[in-house]
């Protein structure tokens, strides 16, 4: 028997099983001992074992228990319910992190139980309407309504003010920011059946346990229990805010049924339009998006850049790989002039890079692009999908490091794609002209009289007028070519700059053109 199995077996105690049963029955997670007195014993294995026990039982959906006066409020009314900052958890203690809770209502009707963990004991945070201010609404009568989620504050931007660092709110969604950023794309604990025409299954975080930080702590630890029709899962997030905010994620997944459409380390973002995709756009802004590309570093060592698109029909792309080094939805364009939006400040939105840790096996980095006619919809999803089904009653650990950042967290000698522009060729609107700018890495300082070679490929149509030239305005290089689609409605494209000895000088640019 492995030591891991022995430890898990030792945790199969009546108390843990009872807690898991209460989850399945949608009762409280623990007795009042978790709210008052000594609390309940808690360690790094507790949530995993709860998830394991929960997955062994049939899924039951929680009964709605929110008063109609809260369940039926609109967006503006929900925004009028605010946590009172002076009641922030750990504010009085002067600790380096503070917690604030979200009230239930509007879209966020699910009850989420939240606990603090101190000295190996879990204590439940009790709901009270006194924790909130209600603008334009009558406060609900005192009762145990629970919470919808929480956010963590800390001195990330200045040493004397506690700004938001991250938020866990809605289903299994969470978001983070680095120093001087504003919220943009989201991550998810798990996605299931994304892009399936029969509909997506939406896992939900049911409870969180947050370890009370030490007075000199630079990180904070959050444990989470996830539940869904097809699976349960336990998580441990170690969150370190800074110039790059890093989440170390340890996930243990326990399927109830065989799962063939799992999304691991899921990222969700918005792409409305940019210079690569402006068909039908009537907007004063040059670009509107939270992310402009999917970056991948595959197990073969290739670095690939796929510009995002707002397609006319659902598009799903799979990039088959084994043990990828990482992938992420990136916001590369950091100049205000590109967006011209003083309110949204898209140039300050984070990139999110998933750094895989350990053996992820074979599978595919999957990109889902959904048509949208508005910037209020998240229409981009990226995740890792294992090749083999995740079998019922199995245990599947995944560990990764999630970087909320301004750029990629590693140095590279390869030039990066900084702009993709697409339009029709002047002589014939059906012919598409692609203009791609690259900068940095081995291209920096390359003399104009020794140009790199463009290696280009397509799975259909005709490629012509291929040109590589220096860009004196940026100090980089530009490659452009024309695509004659012929009778194709979809063409896959791939291009890269190399030297005369076939060594890569740039990352690989990949693109799916659709009519």
Protein backbone atom coordinates (compact mmCIF):
# COMPACT_ATOMS: atom_id res chain seq x y z
CA UNK A 1 0.00 0.00 0.00
CA UNK A 2 1.25 3.48 -0.91
CA UNK A 3 1.71 6.00 1.87
CA UNK A 4 -0.81 8.26 0.09
CA UNK A 5 -3.49 5.53 0.27
CA UNK A 6 -2.67 4.87 3.90
CA UNK A 7 -3.12 8.51 4.82
CA UNK A 8 -6.40 8.78 2.94
CA UNK A 9 -7.63 5.60 4.57
CA UNK A 10 -6.75 6.92 8.01
CA UNK A 11 -8.95 9.94 7.35
CA UNK A 12 -12.06 7.84 6.68
CA UNK A 13 -13.42 8.77 10.06
CA UNK A 14 -17.09 8.99 10.99
CA UNK A 15 -16.79 12.76 11.35
CA UNK A 16 -15.52 13.27 7.78
CA UNK A 17 -18.16 10.92 6.39
CA UNK A 18 -20.85 12.78 8.31
CA UNK A 19 -19.68 16.10 6.94
CA UNK A 20 -19.76 14.73 3.40
CA UNK A 21 -23.26 13.35 3.95
CA UNK A 22 -24.43 16.75 5.13
CA UNK A 23 -23.08 18.18 1.88
CA UNK A 24 -24.98 15.57 -0.12
CA UNK A 25 -28.14 16.29 1.87
CA UNK A 26 -27.58 20.07 1.52
CA UNK A 27 -27.54 20.45 5.28
CA UNK A 28 -24.95 22.41 7.19
CA UNK A 29 -21.36 21.28 6.84
CA UNK A 30 -20.77 20.95 10.52
CA UNK A 31 -22.42 21.35 13.87
CA UNK A 32 -22.35 24.53 15.91
CA UNK A 33 -18.99 23.38 17.20
CA UNK A 34 -17.60 24.79 13.94
CA UNK A 35 -19.11 28.18 14.77
CA UNK A 36 -18.36 28.47 18.42
CA UNK A 37 -16.11 26.89 20.99
CA UNK A 38 -13.15 24.81 19.91
CA UNK A 39 -14.26 24.24 16.32
CA UNK A 40 -13.67 21.08 14.34
CA UNK A 41 -10.36 19.41 13.54
CA UNK A 42 -9.01 20.35 10.11
CA UNK A 43 -5.86 19.51 8.18
CA UNK A 44 -4.59 19.42 4.60
CA UNK A 45 -6.38 16.11 3.89
CA UNK A 46 -9.81 16.99 5.26
CA UNK A 47 -11.35 18.53 2.13
CA UNK A 48 -9.93 15.87 -0.18
CA UNK A 49 -11.47 13.14 1.93
CA UNK A 50 -14.77 15.02 2.06
CA UNK A 51 -14.74 15.20 -1.76
CA UNK A 52 -13.89 11.51 -2.00
CA UNK A 53 -16.77 10.57 0.33
CA UNK A 54 -19.15 12.93 -1.44
CA UNK A 55 -18.38 11.43 -4.87
CA UNK A 56 -19.30 7.98 -3.58
CA UNK A 57 -22.89 9.18 -3.07
CA UNK A 58 -25.51 10.24 -5.63
CA UNK A 59 -25.58 13.93 -6.47
CA UNK A 60 -28.41 15.95 -4.97
CA UNK A 61 -29.09 19.52 -6.01
CA UNK A 62 -29.44 22.05 -3.17
CA UNK A 63 -32.91 23.33 -2.46
CA UNK A 64 -33.34 27.08 -3.00
CA UNK A 65 -33.68 28.75 0.37
CA UNK A 66 -33.26 32.41 -0.55
CA UNK A 67 -36.19 34.79 0.07
CA UNK A 68 -37.82 36.01 -3.14
CA UNK A 69 -37.00 39.58 -2.13
CA UNK A 70 -33.32 38.71 -2.71
CA UNK A 71 -33.56 36.06 -5.41
CA UNK A 72 -35.44 38.45 -7.73
CA UNK A 73 -33.33 41.58 -7.38
CA UNK A 74 -31.67 43.07 -10.45
CA UNK A 75 -28.01 43.87 -11.10
CA UNK A 76 -28.14 47.43 -9.75
CA UNK A 77 -29.90 46.31 -6.58
CA UNK A 78 -27.33 43.57 -6.06
CA UNK A 79 -24.52 46.10 -6.44
CA UNK A 80 -26.24 48.17 -3.75
CA UNK A 81 -25.59 45.41 -1.18
CA UNK A 82 -22.07 46.00 0.06
CA UNK A 83 -19.97 44.45 2.76
CA UNK A 84 -19.14 47.00 5.46
CA UNK A 85 -15.35 47.54 5.19
CA UNK A 86 -15.02 48.21 8.91
CA UNK A 87 -16.26 44.65 9.52
CA UNK A 88 -13.54 43.04 7.39
CA UNK A 89 -12.19 39.83 8.88
CA UNK A 90 -8.71 40.27 10.48
CA UNK A 91 -8.84 44.05 10.16
CA UNK A 92 -8.79 44.59 13.90
CA UNK A 93 -5.96 42.06 14.32
CA UNK A 94 -3.76 44.00 11.87
CA UNK A 95 -3.01 40.91 9.78
CA UNK A 96 -1.56 41.19 6.25
CA UNK A 97 -4.78 39.93 4.61
CA UNK A 98 -8.46 40.76 5.11
CA UNK A 99 -11.68 39.00 4.04
CA UNK A 100 -14.94 40.49 2.85
CA UNK A 101 -18.04 38.48 1.93
CA UNK A 102 -20.58 38.71 -0.89
CA UNK A 103 -24.29 38.62 -0.16
CA UNK A 104 -26.52 36.13 -1.91
CA UNK A 105 -28.87 37.45 -4.59
CA UNK A 106 -29.31 38.18 -8.31
CA UNK A 107 -27.35 35.46 -10.19
CA UNK A 108 -25.54 34.39 -7.03
CA UNK A 109 -28.23 32.48 -5.17
CA UNK A 110 -26.22 29.40 -4.13
CA UNK A 111 -25.27 29.18 -0.47
CA UNK A 112 -21.53 28.93 0.15
CA UNK A 113 -20.30 27.99 3.61
CA UNK A 114 -17.09 29.76 4.65
CA UNK A 115 -14.81 28.82 7.55
CA UNK A 116 -11.65 30.19 9.06
CA UNK A 117 -8.97 27.73 10.14
CA UNK A 118 -6.91 28.58 13.21
CA UNK A 119 -4.44 26.22 14.84
CA UNK A 120 -5.87 23.19 13.05
CA UNK A 121 -9.50 23.97 13.98
CA UNK A 122 -12.26 25.11 11.61
CA UNK A 123 -14.74 27.77 12.73
CA UNK A 124 -17.73 28.76 10.62
CA UNK A 125 -18.28 32.39 9.70
CA UNK A 126 -21.86 33.17 10.66
CA UNK A 127 -24.01 35.36 8.40
CA UNK A 128 -25.56 38.52 9.79
CA UNK A 129 -27.27 41.37 7.88
CA UNK A 130 -25.22 43.73 10.07
CA UNK A 131 -22.17 42.80 7.98
CA UNK A 132 -23.68 44.59 4.96
CA UNK A 133 -25.22 47.87 3.92
CA UNK A 134 -28.39 47.71 1.80
CA UNK A 135 -28.82 50.64 -0.55
CA UNK A 136 -32.46 50.90 -1.65
CA UNK A 137 -33.37 47.52 -0.11
CA UNK A 138 -34.79 46.39 3.19
CA UNK A 139 -32.28 44.27 5.08
CA UNK A 140 -33.44 40.65 5.41
CA UNK A 141 -34.55 39.45 8.85
CA UNK A 142 -31.81 37.79 10.91
CA UNK A 143 -31.35 34.21 9.74
CA UNK A 144 -28.59 31.91 8.56
CA UNK A 145 -28.56 32.92 4.87
CA UNK A 146 -24.92 32.04 4.34
CA UNK A 147 -22.79 33.84 1.75
CA UNK A 148 -22.35 33.84 -2.03
CA UNK A 149 -18.56 34.11 -1.98
CA UNK A 150 -15.68 36.20 -0.70
CA UNK A 151 -12.78 38.40 -1.69
CA UNK A 152 -9.31 38.78 -0.24
CA UNK A 153 -7.71 42.20 0.30
CA UNK A 154 -4.10 43.08 0.94
CA UNK A 155 -1.53 45.88 0.48
CA UNK A 156 -0.66 44.85 -3.08
CA UNK A 157 -0.36 48.34 -4.63
CA UNK A 158 0.65 50.50 -1.67
CA UNK A 159 1.79 49.46 1.82
CA UNK A 160 -0.95 51.41 3.61
CA UNK A 161 -4.09 50.41 1.68
CA UNK A 162 -5.77 47.00 1.31
CA UNK A 163 -6.82 46.52 -2.33
CA UNK A 164 -8.63 43.51 -3.73
CA UNK A 165 -6.28 40.68 -4.67
CA UNK A 166 -8.73 37.98 -5.70
CA UNK A 167 -12.38 37.00 -5.56
CA UNK A 168 -14.24 33.68 -5.44
CA UNK A 169 -17.82 34.23 -6.59
CA UNK A 170 -20.29 32.23 -8.66
CA UNK A 171 -20.19 28.49 -9.53
CA UNK A 172 -16.46 27.59 -9.47
CA UNK A 173 -15.21 30.94 -10.81
CA UNK A 174 -12.37 32.92 -9.29
CA UNK A 175 -10.27 35.88 -10.44
CA UNK A 176 -7.01 37.51 -9.45
CA UNK A 177 -4.93 40.58 -10.26
CA UNK A 178 -1.28 41.54 -10.11
CA UNK A 179 -0.02 44.87 -8.86
CA UNK A 180 -1.73 47.87 -10.55
CA UNK A 181 -4.10 45.70 -12.58
CA UNK A 182 -7.90 45.64 -12.82
CA UNK A 183 -10.06 42.52 -13.04
CA UNK A 184 -10.45 40.86 -16.43
CA UNK A 185 -10.56 37.17 -17.27
CA UNK A 186 -11.59 34.44 -14.83
CA UNK A 187 -10.46 30.95 -13.90
CA UNK A 188 -12.65 28.00 -12.94
CA UNK A 189 -12.12 25.11 -10.60
CA UNK A 190 -13.48 22.70 -13.21
CA UNK A 191 -15.44 22.81 -16.46
CA UNK A 192 -17.47 19.94 -17.87
CA UNK A 193 -18.99 19.48 -21.36
CA UNK A 194 -17.93 22.94 -22.50
CA UNK A 195 -19.04 23.45 -26.10
CA UNK A 196 -21.29 20.37 -25.99
CA UNK A 197 -24.48 21.09 -28.03
CA UNK A 198 -26.52 19.39 -25.31
CA UNK A 199 -25.36 21.97 -22.79
CA UNK A 200 -22.60 22.52 -20.26
CA UNK A 201 -22.49 21.08 -16.76
CA UNK A 202 -21.61 23.72 -14.18
CA UNK A 203 -19.69 22.56 -11.09
CA UNK A 204 -20.02 24.71 -7.98
CA UNK A 205 -17.81 25.46 -4.98
CA UNK A 206 -19.91 24.54 -1.95
CA UNK A 207 -17.59 25.52 0.88
CA UNK A 208 -14.29 27.22 1.63
CA UNK A 209 -11.84 26.94 4.51
CA UNK A 210 -9.44 29.89 4.78
CA UNK A 211 -6.36 29.59 6.95
CA UNK A 212 -5.77 32.57 9.20
CA UNK A 213 -2.46 34.11 8.10
CA UNK A 214 0.44 34.78 10.42
CA UNK A 215 1.29 38.46 11.15
CA UNK A 216 4.26 38.32 8.75
CA UNK A 217 2.67 36.09 6.08
CA UNK A 218 3.22 36.84 2.39
CA UNK A 219 0.70 34.22 1.26
CA UNK A 220 -2.73 32.96 2.25
CA UNK A 221 -4.16 29.44 1.90
CA UNK A 222 -7.72 28.67 0.77
CA UNK A 223 -9.26 25.18 0.68
CA UNK A 224 -12.38 24.53 -1.41
CA UNK A 225 -14.91 21.74 -1.89
CA UNK A 226 -16.51 21.42 -5.34
CA UNK A 227 -19.60 19.43 -6.25
CA UNK A 228 -21.38 18.60 -9.51
CA UNK A 229 -23.56 15.94 -11.11
CA UNK A 230 -20.52 14.13 -12.50
CA UNK A 231 -17.82 14.71 -9.88
CA UNK A 232 -16.65 16.15 -6.59
CA UNK A 233 -13.24 17.69 -5.99
CA UNK A 234 -11.05 19.15 -3.28
CA UNK A 235 -8.67 22.09 -3.77
CA UNK A 236 -5.87 23.83 -1.96
CA UNK A 237 -4.96 27.32 -3.22
CA UNK A 238 -1.81 29.02 -1.95
CA UNK A 239 -2.13 32.66 -3.01
CA UNK A 240 0.90 34.95 -3.23
CA UNK A 241 0.12 38.53 -4.39
CA UNK A 242 2.69 40.85 -5.95
CA UNK A 243 4.10 42.11 -9.25
CA UNK A 244 2.76 38.77 -10.45
CA UNK A 245 0.05 37.19 -8.31
CA UNK A 246 0.50 33.43 -8.15
CA UNK A 247 -2.00 30.72 -7.19
CA UNK A 248 -0.44 27.32 -6.46
CA UNK A 249 -3.36 24.98 -7.14
CA UNK A 250 -3.53 21.41 -5.83
CA UNK A 251 -6.64 19.66 -7.13
CA UNK A 252 -7.97 16.16 -6.44
CA UNK A 253 -10.87 15.12 -8.67
CA UNK A 254 -13.24 12.25 -7.86
CA UNK A 255 -15.66 11.36 -10.68
CA UNK A 256 -19.11 9.93 -9.94
CA UNK A 257 -19.39 8.76 -13.56
CA UNK A 258 -16.95 8.27 -16.42
CA UNK A 259 -16.02 11.76 -17.67
CA UNK A 260 -14.91 12.26 -21.26
CA UNK A 261 -15.31 16.05 -21.50
CA UNK A 262 -13.39 17.44 -18.54
CA UNK A 263 -11.76 20.86 -18.56
CA UNK A 264 -8.78 21.15 -16.21
CA UNK A 265 -7.28 24.55 -15.26
CA UNK A 266 -10.05 26.32 -17.16
CA UNK A 267 -9.71 29.98 -18.15
CA UNK A 268 -12.65 32.11 -19.34
CA UNK A 269 -12.28 35.45 -21.10
CA UNK A 270 -13.83 37.94 -23.53
CA UNK A 271 -12.79 38.80 -27.07
CA UNK A 272 -15.09 41.17 -28.98
CA UNK A 273 -12.93 42.61 -31.76
CA UNK A 274 -9.42 43.73 -32.73
CA UNK A 275 -7.42 44.46 -35.88
CA UNK A 276 -7.49 40.76 -36.74
CA UNK A 277 -11.30 40.58 -36.55
CA UNK A 278 -13.36 43.75 -37.21
CA UNK A 279 -15.97 42.49 -39.66
CA UNK A 280 -19.25 44.32 -39.01
CA UNK A 281 -17.83 46.39 -36.15
CA UNK A 282 -19.14 49.95 -35.70
CA UNK A 283 -17.31 51.17 -32.60
CA UNK A 284 -15.11 54.19 -31.81
CA UNK A 285 -12.57 51.94 -30.10
CA UNK A 286 -9.84 50.16 -32.09
CA UNK A 287 -10.05 47.00 -29.95
CA UNK A 288 -12.17 45.51 -27.14
CA UNK A 289 -11.00 42.37 -25.33
CA UNK A 290 -9.81 40.96 -22.00
CA UNK A 291 -7.40 38.65 -23.83
CA UNK A 292 -6.04 38.75 -27.37
CA UNK A 293 -4.42 35.35 -27.76
CA UNK A 294 -3.90 31.80 -26.55
CA UNK A 295 -0.24 31.10 -25.80
CA UNK A 296 0.98 27.51 -25.56
CA UNK A 297 4.30 25.93 -24.68
CA UNK A 298 3.87 22.32 -25.63
CA UNK A 299 5.65 19.19 -24.51
CA UNK A 300 7.83 19.25 -27.64
CA UNK A 301 9.22 22.64 -26.66
CA UNK A 302 7.35 24.71 -29.24
CA UNK A 303 5.92 28.07 -28.24
CA UNK A 304 2.74 28.82 -30.18
CA UNK A 305 0.58 31.95 -30.41
CA UNK A 306 -3.04 31.74 -31.55
CA UNK A 307 -4.82 35.11 -31.96
CA UNK A 308 -8.36 34.95 -30.62
CA UNK A 309 -11.42 35.50 -32.79
CA UNK A 310 -15.10 36.36 -32.42
CA UNK A 311 -16.44 33.84 -34.94
CA UNK A 312 -19.76 33.76 -36.74
CA UNK A 313 -20.35 30.22 -35.46
CA UNK A 314 -19.04 28.18 -32.53
CA UNK A 315 -15.40 27.16 -33.04
CA UNK A 316 -13.59 24.47 -31.04
CA UNK A 317 -9.86 23.92 -31.58
CA UNK A 318 -7.83 21.13 -29.99
CA UNK A 319 -4.04 21.18 -29.81
CA UNK A 320 -3.00 17.60 -29.07
CA UNK A 321 -0.06 17.31 -26.70
CA UNK A 322 1.59 15.30 -23.94
CA UNK A 323 2.72 16.91 -20.71
CA UNK A 324 2.43 20.53 -21.85
CA UNK A 325 4.66 23.01 -20.09
CA UNK A 326 1.81 25.47 -19.94
CA UNK A 327 -0.85 27.53 -21.65
CA UNK A 328 -2.61 30.80 -21.04
CA UNK A 329 -5.00 33.46 -22.26
CA UNK A 330 -2.83 36.53 -22.62
CA UNK A 331 -3.42 40.25 -22.92
CA UNK A 332 -0.30 41.30 -24.82
CA UNK A 333 -1.33 44.78 -25.94
CA UNK A 334 -0.57 47.20 -23.12
CA UNK A 335 -0.95 50.60 -24.81
CA UNK A 336 -4.02 52.68 -23.97
CA UNK A 337 -4.10 53.94 -27.59
CA UNK A 338 -5.03 50.44 -28.75
CA UNK A 339 -8.30 50.52 -26.78
CA UNK A 340 -9.14 54.20 -26.12
CA UNK A 341 -11.44 53.21 -23.25
CA UNK A 342 -11.05 55.31 -20.11
CA UNK A 343 -13.54 53.21 -18.12
CA UNK A 344 -12.78 49.59 -19.02
CA UNK A 345 -8.98 50.07 -19.10
CA UNK A 346 -8.41 46.90 -21.10
CA UNK A 347 -4.68 47.63 -21.23
CA UNK A 348 -4.51 46.93 -17.47
CA UNK A 349 -6.29 43.59 -17.50
CA UNK A 350 -4.28 40.53 -16.46
CA UNK A 351 -2.93 37.69 -18.48
CA UNK A 352 -3.36 34.25 -16.93
CA UNK A 353 -0.71 31.59 -17.48
CA UNK A 354 -1.17 27.97 -16.35
CA UNK A 355 2.15 26.31 -15.52
CA UNK A 356 1.63 22.57 -15.31
CA UNK A 357 3.41 20.68 -12.53
CA UNK A 358 3.98 16.94 -12.60
CA UNK A 359 2.74 14.39 -15.12
CA UNK A 360 -0.40 15.52 -16.95
CA UNK A 361 -0.18 12.72 -19.51
CA UNK A 362 -1.69 12.95 -22.98
CA UNK A 363 -4.54 15.19 -23.96
CA UNK A 364 -5.25 18.46 -25.71
CA UNK A 365 -5.19 22.15 -24.93
CA UNK A 366 -8.68 23.10 -26.02
CA UNK A 367 -9.90 26.51 -27.18
CA UNK A 368 -13.61 27.33 -27.45
CA UNK A 369 -14.59 30.54 -29.27
CA UNK A 370 -18.26 31.55 -29.05
CA UNK A 371 -19.91 34.25 -31.17
CA UNK A 372 -20.89 37.39 -29.25
CA UNK A 373 -22.35 40.77 -30.12
CA UNK A 374 -21.38 42.43 -26.85
CA UNK A 375 -18.39 42.86 -24.59
CA UNK A 376 -20.45 41.87 -21.54
CA UNK A 377 -20.26 38.16 -22.47
CA UNK A 378 -17.32 35.87 -21.75
CA UNK A 379 -17.06 34.03 -25.06
CA UNK A 380 -13.57 32.49 -24.85
CA UNK A 381 -12.71 29.32 -22.91
CA UNK A 382 -9.37 27.49 -22.74
CA UNK A 383 -8.55 24.34 -20.76
CA UNK A 384 -6.65 21.06 -20.69
CA UNK A 385 -8.68 17.99 -21.63
CA UNK A 386 -7.16 14.58 -20.76
CA UNK A 387 -7.12 12.07 -23.60
CA UNK A 388 -8.36 9.13 -21.55
CA UNK A 389 -11.71 9.24 -19.75
CA UNK A 390 -11.65 9.99 -16.04
CA UNK A 391 -13.21 6.87 -14.60
CA UNK A 392 -15.94 6.73 -11.97
CA UNK A 393 -14.70 6.23 -8.41
CA UNK A 394 -11.14 7.08 -9.44
CA UNK A 395 -8.84 9.74 -8.01
CA UNK A 396 -7.16 12.24 -10.34
CA UNK A 397 -4.70 14.78 -8.92
CA UNK A 398 -3.67 17.82 -10.95
CA UNK A 399 -1.20 20.42 -9.73
CA UNK A 400 -0.48 23.70 -11.48
CA UNK A 401 0.70 27.23 -10.87
CA UNK A 402 -1.60 29.98 -12.11
CA UNK A 403 0.13 33.30 -12.83
CA UNK A 404 -1.98 36.49 -12.98
CA UNK A 405 0.54 38.71 -14.70
CA UNK A 406 1.49 41.40 -17.21
CA UNK A 407 3.45 38.98 -19.40
CA UNK A 408 4.72 35.42 -19.45
CA UNK A 409 6.67 34.36 -16.34
CA UNK A 410 9.73 33.13 -18.21
CA UNK A 411 12.50 34.51 -20.40
CA UNK A 412 12.66 33.44 -24.04
CA UNK A 413 14.99 34.04 -26.96
CA UNK A 414 12.13 33.75 -29.43
CA UNK A 415 10.48 36.82 -30.93
CA UNK A 416 6.83 37.28 -30.04
CA UNK A 417 3.86 38.12 -32.20
CA UNK A 418 2.70 41.59 -31.16
CA UNK A 419 0.06 42.29 -33.80
CA UNK A 420 -2.03 40.36 -36.30
CA UNK A 421 -3.95 42.33 -38.91
CA UNK A 422 -6.36 40.82 -41.42
CA UNK A 423 -8.21 42.47 -44.30
CA UNK A 424 -9.03 41.98 -47.95
CA UNK A 425 -6.40 42.32 -50.66
CA UNK A 426 -6.78 45.47 -52.73
CA UNK A 427 -7.41 43.72 -56.03
CA UNK A 428 -10.00 41.20 -54.82
CA UNK A 429 -12.13 41.28 -51.62
CA UNK A 430 -12.31 37.47 -51.45
CA UNK A 431 -8.51 37.29 -51.08
CA UNK A 432 -7.40 37.79 -47.47
CA UNK A 433 -4.28 39.76 -46.59
CA UNK A 434 -2.46 38.84 -43.36
CA UNK A 435 0.06 41.23 -41.78
CA UNK A 436 1.92 39.95 -38.69
CA UNK A 437 4.39 42.00 -36.62
CA UNK A 438 7.00 40.30 -34.43
CA UNK A 439 9.44 41.83 -31.94
CA UNK A 440 12.18 40.93 -29.50
CA UNK A 441 14.23 37.84 -28.89
CA UNK A 442 16.64 36.74 -31.59
CA UNK A 443 15.09 39.19 -34.06
CA UNK A 444 16.35 42.17 -32.06
CA UNK A 445 19.39 43.59 -33.75
CA UNK A 446 19.11 41.30 -36.77
CA UNK A 447 20.64 43.27 -39.69
CA UNK A 448 18.22 44.18 -42.53
CA UNK A 449 20.56 42.63 -45.10
CA UNK A 450 20.24 39.21 -43.42
CA UNK A 451 16.45 38.77 -43.26
CA UNK A 452 14.86 35.80 -41.53
CA UNK A 453 13.05 33.18 -43.54
CA UNK A 454 9.29 32.78 -43.27
CA UNK A 455 8.18 29.14 -43.06
CA UNK A 456 4.46 29.02 -43.77
CA UNK A 457 1.87 26.28 -44.13
CA UNK A 458 -1.87 25.94 -44.73
CA UNK A 459 -4.20 22.96 -44.97
CA UNK A 460 -5.97 24.39 -48.01
CA UNK A 461 -6.37 27.34 -50.34
CA UNK A 462 -3.45 29.08 -52.02
CA UNK A 463 -0.73 31.11 -50.29
CA UNK A 464 0.96 33.83 -52.33
CA UNK A 465 2.97 37.07 -52.18
CA UNK A 466 4.93 36.02 -49.09
CA UNK A 467 7.16 38.84 -47.83
CA UNK A 468 9.38 39.39 -44.78
CA UNK A 469 10.66 42.90 -44.11
CA UNK A 470 12.10 44.92 -41.21
CA UNK A 471 9.75 47.29 -39.41
CA UNK A 472 11.77 50.43 -38.66
CA UNK A 473 8.95 51.86 -36.53
CA UNK A 474 9.13 49.05 -33.99
CA UNK A 475 12.61 47.61 -34.47
CA UNK A 476 11.00 44.27 -35.25
CA UNK A 477 10.08 42.40 -38.38
CA UNK A 478 6.88 42.04 -40.37
CA UNK A 479 5.70 39.07 -42.38
CA UNK A 480 2.72 39.30 -44.71
CA UNK A 481 1.06 37.06 -47.23
CA UNK A 482 -2.20 36.56 -49.08
CA UNK A 483 -4.61 33.67 -48.74
CA UNK A 484 -6.82 32.68 -51.66
CA UNK A 485 -9.42 30.47 -49.91
CA UNK A 486 -10.73 29.01 -53.17
CA UNK A 487 -13.72 26.85 -52.19
CA UNK A 488 -12.73 26.51 -48.51
CA UNK A 489 -14.83 27.90 -45.66
CA UNK A 490 -12.11 27.18 -43.09
CA UNK A 491 -8.33 27.24 -43.49
CA UNK A 492 -5.76 26.43 -40.81
CA UNK A 493 -2.57 28.53 -41.06
CA UNK A 494 0.85 28.28 -39.46
CA UNK A 495 3.88 30.58 -39.87
CA UNK A 496 7.24 31.07 -38.17
CA UNK A 497 10.47 32.97 -38.75
CA UNK A 498 13.65 30.89 -38.92
CA UNK A 499 17.28 31.46 -39.79
CA UNK A 500 19.11 29.97 -42.75
CA UNK A 501 19.88 26.80 -40.80
CA UNK A 502 16.20 26.15 -39.95
CA UNK A 503 16.57 27.30 -36.34
CA UNK A 504 13.49 29.07 -34.93
CA UNK A 505 13.77 32.84 -34.43
CA UNK A 506 10.15 33.38 -33.38
CA UNK A 507 7.29 31.59 -31.74
CA UNK A 508 4.87 29.82 -34.05
CA UNK A 509 1.90 31.88 -35.27
CA UNK A 510 -1.21 29.75 -35.84
CA UNK A 511 -4.59 30.92 -37.06
CA UNK A 512 -7.94 29.55 -38.17
CA UNK A 513 -9.50 31.58 -40.97
CA UNK A 514 -13.24 31.17 -41.42
CA UNK A 515 -15.45 32.67 -44.10
